[in-house]
Amino acid sequence: MRLVSGKADVRVPRLVGLMAVDAYETARVQGLSLHASDRPDLRAAVVDHVVRQYPRPGAQVPPESTVYVWFDFGEGEGGGGIREPRVPCPPLGGLRRELAEPGTPEAGAPEPGVPEPGAPPPRRAVLSPP
């Protein structure tokens, strides 16, 4: 049996993405109340953003119904967010290549005394008598 009130159903607004204060005011204007299980004191969550809501936006509900909202994804459900500043900071100077062990020739380095293929022959100074 459904209880019928004299008031027409209201459409649930989209609250996802709104800050807590804006979500609260939007729901209040529609004649709805908000409940957040992860924020017991909803008024203290002023700048948190709504990430989920139930019932879904557009659903028809009786006036003075409660809309459940969440401000945080649950454990393992995403919510990467902004992670700045990164600590420790990345090294300066861009990418670095790995250096060879001391005493071993670097990979790709020419052998001492052997010219690279396609290199011009070494120039030699010729001294003439004065």
N, C-alpha and C. Protein backbone atom coordinates (compact mmCIF):
# COMPACT_ATOMS: atom_id res chain seq x y z
N MET A 1 0.84 -1.16 0.00
CA MET A 1 0.00 0.00 0.00
C MET A 1 0.89 1.24 0.00
N ARG A 2 0.63 2.17 -0.87
CA ARG A 2 1.40 3.39 -0.99
C ARG A 2 0.62 4.53 -0.38
N LEU A 3 1.32 5.28 0.46
CA LEU A 3 0.69 6.45 1.05
C LEU A 3 0.75 7.59 0.05
N VAL A 4 -0.35 8.23 -0.15
CA VAL A 4 -0.41 9.29 -1.13
C VAL A 4 -0.58 10.61 -0.39
N SER A 5 0.34 11.54 -0.68
CA SER A 5 0.20 12.86 -0.08
C SER A 5 -0.43 13.79 -1.11
N GLY A 6 -0.82 14.93 -0.68
CA GLY A 6 -1.46 15.87 -1.60
C GLY A 6 -0.44 16.58 -2.47
N LYS A 7 0.87 16.38 -2.24
CA LYS A 7 1.90 17.07 -3.00
C LYS A 7 2.39 16.18 -4.14
N ALA A 8 2.77 16.79 -5.23
CA ALA A 8 3.29 16.06 -6.39
C ALA A 8 4.73 15.62 -6.13
N ASP A 9 5.12 14.54 -6.78
CA ASP A 9 6.50 14.06 -6.66
C ASP A 9 7.47 15.11 -7.21
N VAL A 10 8.68 15.09 -6.71
CA VAL A 10 9.72 16.00 -7.19
C VAL A 10 10.80 15.19 -7.90
N ARG A 11 11.46 15.84 -8.82
CA ARG A 11 12.53 15.21 -9.58
C ARG A 11 13.85 15.45 -8.84
N VAL A 12 14.63 14.38 -8.66
CA VAL A 12 15.92 14.47 -7.96
C VAL A 12 16.92 15.20 -8.86
N PRO A 13 17.53 16.28 -8.36
CA PRO A 13 18.53 17.00 -9.16
C PRO A 13 19.85 16.25 -9.21
N ARG A 14 20.68 16.59 -10.20
CA ARG A 14 22.02 16.01 -10.29
C ARG A 14 22.91 16.73 -9.27
N LEU A 15 23.43 15.99 -8.31
CA LEU A 15 24.27 16.56 -7.26
C LEU A 15 25.74 16.18 -7.42
N VAL A 16 26.02 15.17 -8.23
CA VAL A 16 27.40 14.71 -8.43
C VAL A 16 28.21 15.85 -9.04
N GLY A 17 29.36 16.12 -8.44
CA GLY A 17 30.24 17.17 -8.93
C GLY A 17 30.08 18.48 -8.18
N LEU A 18 28.98 18.63 -7.44
CA LEU A 18 28.76 19.86 -6.68
C LEU A 18 29.50 19.80 -5.35
N MET A 19 29.88 20.97 -4.86
CA MET A 19 30.44 21.03 -3.51
C MET A 19 29.32 20.79 -2.53
N ALA A 20 29.67 20.38 -1.32
CA ALA A 20 28.67 20.01 -0.31
C ALA A 20 27.68 21.13 -0.05
N VAL A 21 28.16 22.35 0.07
CA VAL A 21 27.28 23.47 0.35
C VAL A 21 26.29 23.69 -0.79
N ASP A 22 26.75 23.54 -2.04
CA ASP A 22 25.87 23.71 -3.20
C ASP A 22 24.88 22.55 -3.32
N ALA A 23 25.33 21.34 -3.04
CA ALA A 23 24.43 20.18 -3.09
C ALA A 23 23.34 20.31 -2.04
N TYR A 24 23.71 20.76 -0.86
CA TYR A 24 22.74 20.94 0.22
C TYR A 24 21.68 21.96 -0.19
N GLU A 25 22.11 23.08 -0.74
CA GLU A 25 21.18 24.15 -1.13
C GLU A 25 20.29 23.70 -2.30
N THR A 26 20.86 23.00 -3.28
CA THR A 26 20.09 22.51 -4.42
C THR A 26 19.01 21.54 -3.97
N ALA A 27 19.35 20.64 -3.06
CA ALA A 27 18.36 19.68 -2.55
C ALA A 27 17.29 20.40 -1.74
N ARG A 28 17.70 21.38 -0.93
CA ARG A 28 16.74 22.11 -0.09
C ARG A 28 15.72 22.86 -0.94
N VAL A 29 16.17 23.47 -2.05
CA VAL A 29 15.26 24.20 -2.93
C VAL A 29 14.22 23.25 -3.53
N GLN A 30 14.59 22.00 -3.80
CA GLN A 30 13.67 21.01 -4.37
C GLN A 30 12.78 20.39 -3.29
N GLY A 31 13.02 20.71 -2.02
CA GLY A 31 12.23 20.13 -0.94
C GLY A 31 12.75 18.78 -0.49
N LEU A 32 14.04 18.51 -0.73
CA LEU A 32 14.65 17.24 -0.36
C LEU A 32 15.68 17.48 0.75
N SER A 33 16.02 16.44 1.46
CA SER A 33 17.09 16.53 2.46
C SER A 33 18.25 15.64 2.03
N LEU A 34 19.44 15.96 2.52
CA LEU A 34 20.64 15.19 2.19
C LEU A 34 21.10 14.41 3.39
N HIS A 35 21.68 13.23 3.12
CA HIS A 35 22.32 12.44 4.14
C HIS A 35 23.62 11.89 3.55
N ALA A 36 24.72 12.08 4.30
CA ALA A 36 26.03 11.58 3.86
C ALA A 36 26.59 10.69 4.95
N SER A 37 26.67 9.39 4.69
CA SER A 37 27.17 8.47 5.72
C SER A 37 28.66 8.64 5.97
N ASP A 38 29.42 9.09 4.95
CA ASP A 38 30.86 9.27 5.15
C ASP A 38 31.21 10.65 5.71
N ARG A 39 30.24 11.52 5.87
CA ARG A 39 30.42 12.83 6.50
C ARG A 39 29.27 13.07 7.47
N PRO A 40 29.40 12.60 8.71
CA PRO A 40 28.30 12.73 9.67
C PRO A 40 27.86 14.19 9.86
N ASP A 41 28.82 15.11 9.86
CA ASP A 41 28.48 16.52 9.99
C ASP A 41 28.56 17.15 8.60
N LEU A 42 27.45 17.12 7.89
CA LEU A 42 27.42 17.55 6.49
C LEU A 42 27.83 19.01 6.35
N ARG A 43 27.53 19.84 7.32
CA ARG A 43 27.86 21.26 7.21
C ARG A 43 29.38 21.50 7.33
N ALA A 44 30.12 20.55 7.87
CA ALA A 44 31.58 20.68 7.97
C ALA A 44 32.27 20.29 6.68
N ALA A 45 31.56 19.64 5.78
CA ALA A 45 32.13 19.18 4.49
C ALA A 45 31.87 20.21 3.40
N VAL A 46 32.05 21.47 3.70
CA VAL A 46 31.66 22.55 2.79
C VAL A 46 32.30 22.44 1.42
N VAL A 47 33.59 22.18 1.32
CA VAL A 47 34.27 22.20 0.03
C VAL A 47 34.46 20.82 -0.59
N ASP A 48 34.00 19.76 0.07
CA ASP A 48 34.09 18.42 -0.52
C ASP A 48 33.10 18.32 -1.68
N HIS A 49 33.44 17.52 -2.67
CA HIS A 49 32.59 17.34 -3.84
C HIS A 49 31.85 16.00 -3.77
N VAL A 50 30.61 16.01 -4.20
CA VAL A 50 29.79 14.81 -4.24
C VAL A 50 30.30 13.92 -5.38
N VAL A 51 30.55 12.63 -5.08
CA VAL A 51 31.02 11.69 -6.10
C VAL A 51 29.96 10.66 -6.48
N ARG A 52 28.95 10.45 -5.60
CA ARG A 52 27.85 9.52 -5.89
C ARG A 52 26.60 10.02 -5.21
N GLN A 53 25.47 9.59 -5.73
CA GLN A 53 24.20 9.93 -5.10
C GLN A 53 23.19 8.82 -5.35
N TYR A 54 22.22 8.73 -4.43
CA TYR A 54 21.10 7.80 -4.58
C TYR A 54 19.88 8.47 -3.97
N PRO A 55 18.77 8.52 -4.64
CA PRO A 55 18.45 8.03 -5.97
C PRO A 55 19.17 8.82 -7.06
N ARG A 56 19.18 8.22 -8.24
CA ARG A 56 19.85 8.81 -9.38
C ARG A 56 19.18 10.11 -9.80
N PRO A 57 19.92 10.98 -10.48
CA PRO A 57 19.32 12.22 -10.98
C PRO A 57 18.15 11.92 -11.91
N GLY A 58 17.10 12.69 -11.78
CA GLY A 58 15.93 12.54 -12.64
C GLY A 58 14.86 11.63 -12.07
N ALA A 59 15.17 10.90 -11.00
CA ALA A 59 14.17 10.01 -10.40
C ALA A 59 13.07 10.83 -9.74
N GLN A 60 11.85 10.32 -9.79
CA GLN A 60 10.71 10.98 -9.15
C GLN A 60 10.57 10.42 -7.73
N VAL A 61 10.59 11.30 -6.74
CA VAL A 61 10.47 10.87 -5.34
C VAL A 61 9.44 11.76 -4.64
N PRO A 62 8.86 11.27 -3.55
CA PRO A 62 7.92 12.11 -2.80
C PRO A 62 8.64 13.30 -2.19
N PRO A 63 7.92 14.40 -1.98
CA PRO A 63 8.55 15.57 -1.35
C PRO A 63 9.08 15.19 0.03
N GLU A 64 10.10 15.91 0.46
CA GLU A 64 10.74 15.71 1.76
C GLU A 64 11.46 14.37 1.86
N SER A 65 11.79 13.76 0.73
CA SER A 65 12.57 12.52 0.72
C SER A 65 14.03 12.84 1.01
N THR A 66 14.77 11.80 1.34
CA THR A 66 16.20 11.94 1.61
C THR A 66 16.99 11.45 0.41
N VAL A 67 17.96 12.25 0.00
CA VAL A 67 18.89 11.87 -1.05
C VAL A 67 20.21 11.54 -0.35
N TYR A 68 20.74 10.36 -0.62
CA TYR A 68 21.99 9.92 -0.01
C TYR A 68 23.14 10.31 -0.94
N VAL A 69 24.14 10.95 -0.37
CA VAL A 69 25.30 11.38 -1.16
C VAL A 69 26.57 10.88 -0.50
N TRP A 70 27.61 10.70 -1.32
CA TRP A 70 28.94 10.28 -0.85
C TRP A 70 29.95 11.28 -1.37
N PHE A 71 30.91 11.60 -0.53
CA PHE A 71 31.95 12.56 -0.89
C PHE A 71 33.29 11.90 -1.15
N ASP A 72 33.35 10.59 -1.01
CA ASP A 72 34.61 9.88 -1.19
C ASP A 72 34.30 8.53 -1.81
N PHE A 73 35.12 8.13 -2.79
CA PHE A 73 34.98 6.79 -3.32
C PHE A 73 35.41 5.82 -2.22
N GLY A 74 34.81 4.67 -2.19
CA GLY A 74 35.19 3.68 -1.19
C GLY A 74 36.58 3.14 -1.43
N GLU A 75 37.03 2.29 -0.55
CA GLU A 75 38.35 1.67 -0.66
C GLU A 75 38.45 0.91 -1.98
N GLY A 76 39.45 1.23 -2.79
CA GLY A 76 39.68 0.53 -4.04
C GLY A 76 38.74 0.92 -5.17
N GLU A 77 38.00 2.02 -5.06
CA GLU A 77 37.07 2.42 -6.11
C GLU A 77 37.52 3.66 -6.86
N GLY A 78 38.80 3.94 -6.87
CA GLY A 78 39.26 5.11 -7.61
C GLY A 78 39.39 6.30 -6.70
N GLY A 79 39.11 7.46 -7.25
CA GLY A 79 39.25 8.68 -6.46
C GLY A 79 40.69 9.10 -6.33
N GLY A 80 41.46 8.99 -7.44
CA GLY A 80 42.87 9.36 -7.39
C GLY A 80 43.09 10.79 -6.96
N GLY A 81 42.32 11.69 -7.49
CA GLY A 81 42.40 13.08 -7.08
C GLY A 81 43.74 13.72 -7.39
N ILE A 82 43.95 14.86 -6.84
CA ILE A 82 45.19 15.61 -7.04
C ILE A 82 46.18 15.18 -5.98
N ARG A 83 47.37 14.84 -6.40
CA ARG A 83 48.38 14.35 -5.48
C ARG A 83 49.60 15.28 -5.44
N GLU A 84 49.41 16.55 -5.55
CA GLU A 84 50.52 17.50 -5.54
C GLU A 84 50.67 18.09 -4.15
N PRO A 85 51.80 18.48 -3.68
CA PRO A 85 53.09 18.29 -4.32
C PRO A 85 53.61 16.87 -4.14
N ARG A 86 54.35 16.41 -5.12
CA ARG A 86 54.92 15.07 -5.04
C ARG A 86 56.16 15.11 -4.16
N VAL A 87 56.24 14.19 -3.24
CA VAL A 87 57.40 14.13 -2.34
C VAL A 87 57.95 12.73 -2.40
N PRO A 88 59.19 12.47 -2.61
CA PRO A 88 60.23 13.44 -2.91
C PRO A 88 60.09 13.95 -4.34
N CYS A 89 60.64 15.11 -4.58
CA CYS A 89 60.54 15.73 -5.90
C CYS A 89 61.35 14.91 -6.91
N PRO A 90 60.92 14.90 -8.17
CA PRO A 90 61.69 14.19 -9.19
C PRO A 90 63.05 14.87 -9.38
N PRO A 91 64.08 14.12 -9.82
CA PRO A 91 65.40 14.72 -9.97
C PRO A 91 65.41 15.78 -11.07
N LEU A 92 66.28 16.76 -10.91
CA LEU A 92 66.41 17.81 -11.91
C LEU A 92 67.25 17.32 -13.07
N GLY A 93 67.09 17.92 -14.23
CA GLY A 93 67.95 17.63 -15.36
C GLY A 93 67.42 16.59 -16.32
N GLY A 94 66.20 16.17 -16.19
CA GLY A 94 65.63 15.24 -17.13
C GLY A 94 66.08 13.82 -16.91
N LEU A 95 65.96 13.02 -17.96
CA LEU A 95 66.31 11.60 -17.85
C LEU A 95 67.82 11.43 -17.78
N ARG A 96 68.23 10.45 -17.02
CA ARG A 96 69.65 10.11 -16.92
C ARG A 96 69.84 8.67 -17.39
N ARG A 97 70.94 8.44 -18.06
CA ARG A 97 71.18 7.07 -18.46
C ARG A 97 72.06 6.40 -17.42
N GLU A 98 71.95 5.10 -17.38
CA GLU A 98 72.72 4.35 -16.41
C GLU A 98 74.18 4.33 -16.83
N LEU A 99 75.05 4.56 -15.87
CA LEU A 99 76.48 4.56 -16.15
C LEU A 99 77.04 3.15 -16.00
N ALA A 100 78.11 2.87 -16.76
CA ALA A 100 78.75 1.56 -16.69
C ALA A 100 79.53 1.44 -15.38
N GLU A 101 79.79 0.21 -14.99
CA GLU A 101 80.59 -0.05 -13.80
C GLU A 101 82.01 0.49 -14.03
N PRO A 102 82.67 0.97 -12.99
CA PRO A 102 84.05 1.45 -13.16
C PRO A 102 84.95 0.33 -13.66
N GLY A 103 85.80 0.68 -14.62
CA GLY A 103 86.75 -0.29 -15.15
C GLY A 103 86.22 -1.10 -16.32
N THR A 104 84.94 -0.98 -16.68
CA THR A 104 84.40 -1.71 -17.83
C THR A 104 84.05 -0.69 -18.90
N PRO A 105 84.28 -1.04 -20.17
CA PRO A 105 83.93 -0.09 -21.24
C PRO A 105 82.41 0.04 -21.34
N GLU A 106 81.96 1.25 -21.68
CA GLU A 106 80.53 1.48 -21.84
C GLU A 106 80.02 0.77 -23.09
N ALA A 107 78.80 0.33 -23.04
CA ALA A 107 78.21 -0.32 -24.21
C ALA A 107 78.09 0.70 -25.32
N GLY A 108 78.55 0.34 -26.52
CA GLY A 108 78.45 1.23 -27.67
C GLY A 108 79.62 2.18 -27.79
N ALA A 109 80.54 2.19 -26.82
CA ALA A 109 81.71 3.07 -26.90
C ALA A 109 82.76 2.42 -27.77
N PRO A 110 83.46 3.20 -28.59
CA PRO A 110 84.50 2.60 -29.46
C PRO A 110 85.69 2.14 -28.64
N GLU A 111 86.36 1.13 -29.16
CA GLU A 111 87.58 0.63 -28.51
C GLU A 111 88.65 1.71 -28.64
N PRO A 112 89.51 1.85 -27.62
CA PRO A 112 90.57 2.86 -27.73
C PRO A 112 91.52 2.53 -28.88
N GLY A 113 91.87 3.53 -29.67
CA GLY A 113 92.80 3.36 -30.78
C GLY A 113 92.16 2.86 -32.05
N VAL A 114 90.90 2.48 -32.05
CA VAL A 114 90.23 1.97 -33.24
C VAL A 114 89.23 3.03 -33.70
N PRO A 115 89.38 3.55 -34.94
CA PRO A 115 88.45 4.58 -35.41
C PRO A 115 87.06 3.97 -35.68
N GLU A 116 86.05 4.80 -35.54
CA GLU A 116 84.69 4.36 -35.82
C GLU A 116 84.52 4.16 -37.32
N PRO A 117 83.67 3.23 -37.75
CA PRO A 117 83.44 3.04 -39.18
C PRO A 117 82.87 4.31 -39.80
N GLY A 118 83.40 4.70 -40.95
CA GLY A 118 82.93 5.88 -41.66
C GLY A 118 83.55 7.16 -41.17
N ALA A 119 84.44 7.09 -40.16
CA ALA A 119 85.09 8.31 -39.65
C ALA A 119 86.29 8.63 -40.54
N PRO A 120 86.59 9.91 -40.75
CA PRO A 120 87.77 10.26 -41.57
C PRO A 120 89.05 9.81 -40.86
N PRO A 121 90.09 9.57 -41.61
CA PRO A 121 91.34 9.15 -40.98
C PRO A 121 91.88 10.26 -40.07
N PRO A 122 92.60 9.89 -39.04
CA PRO A 122 93.13 10.91 -38.14
C PRO A 122 94.16 11.78 -38.85
N ARG A 123 94.19 13.05 -38.52
CA ARG A 123 95.13 13.97 -39.13
C ARG A 123 96.43 13.95 -38.33
N ARG A 124 97.54 14.00 -39.06
CA ARG A 124 98.83 13.98 -38.40
C ARG A 124 99.58 15.24 -38.80
N ALA A 125 100.24 15.78 -37.84
CA ALA A 125 101.03 17.00 -38.11
C ALA A 125 102.36 16.61 -38.72
N VAL A 126 102.73 17.31 -39.76
CA VAL A 126 104.04 17.08 -40.40
C VAL A 126 104.86 18.35 -40.19
N LEU A 127 106.03 18.17 -39.61
CA LEU A 127 106.88 19.32 -39.36
C LEU A 127 107.95 19.38 -40.45
N SER A 128 108.12 20.55 -40.93
CA SER A 128 109.16 20.73 -41.95
C SER A 128 110.34 21.47 -41.31
N PRO A 129 111.54 21.19 -41.78
CA PRO A 129 112.69 21.85 -41.19
C PRO A 129 112.66 23.36 -41.52
N PRO A 130 113.21 24.20 -40.63
CA PRO A 130 113.16 25.64 -40.87
C PRO A 130 114.11 26.12 -41.94
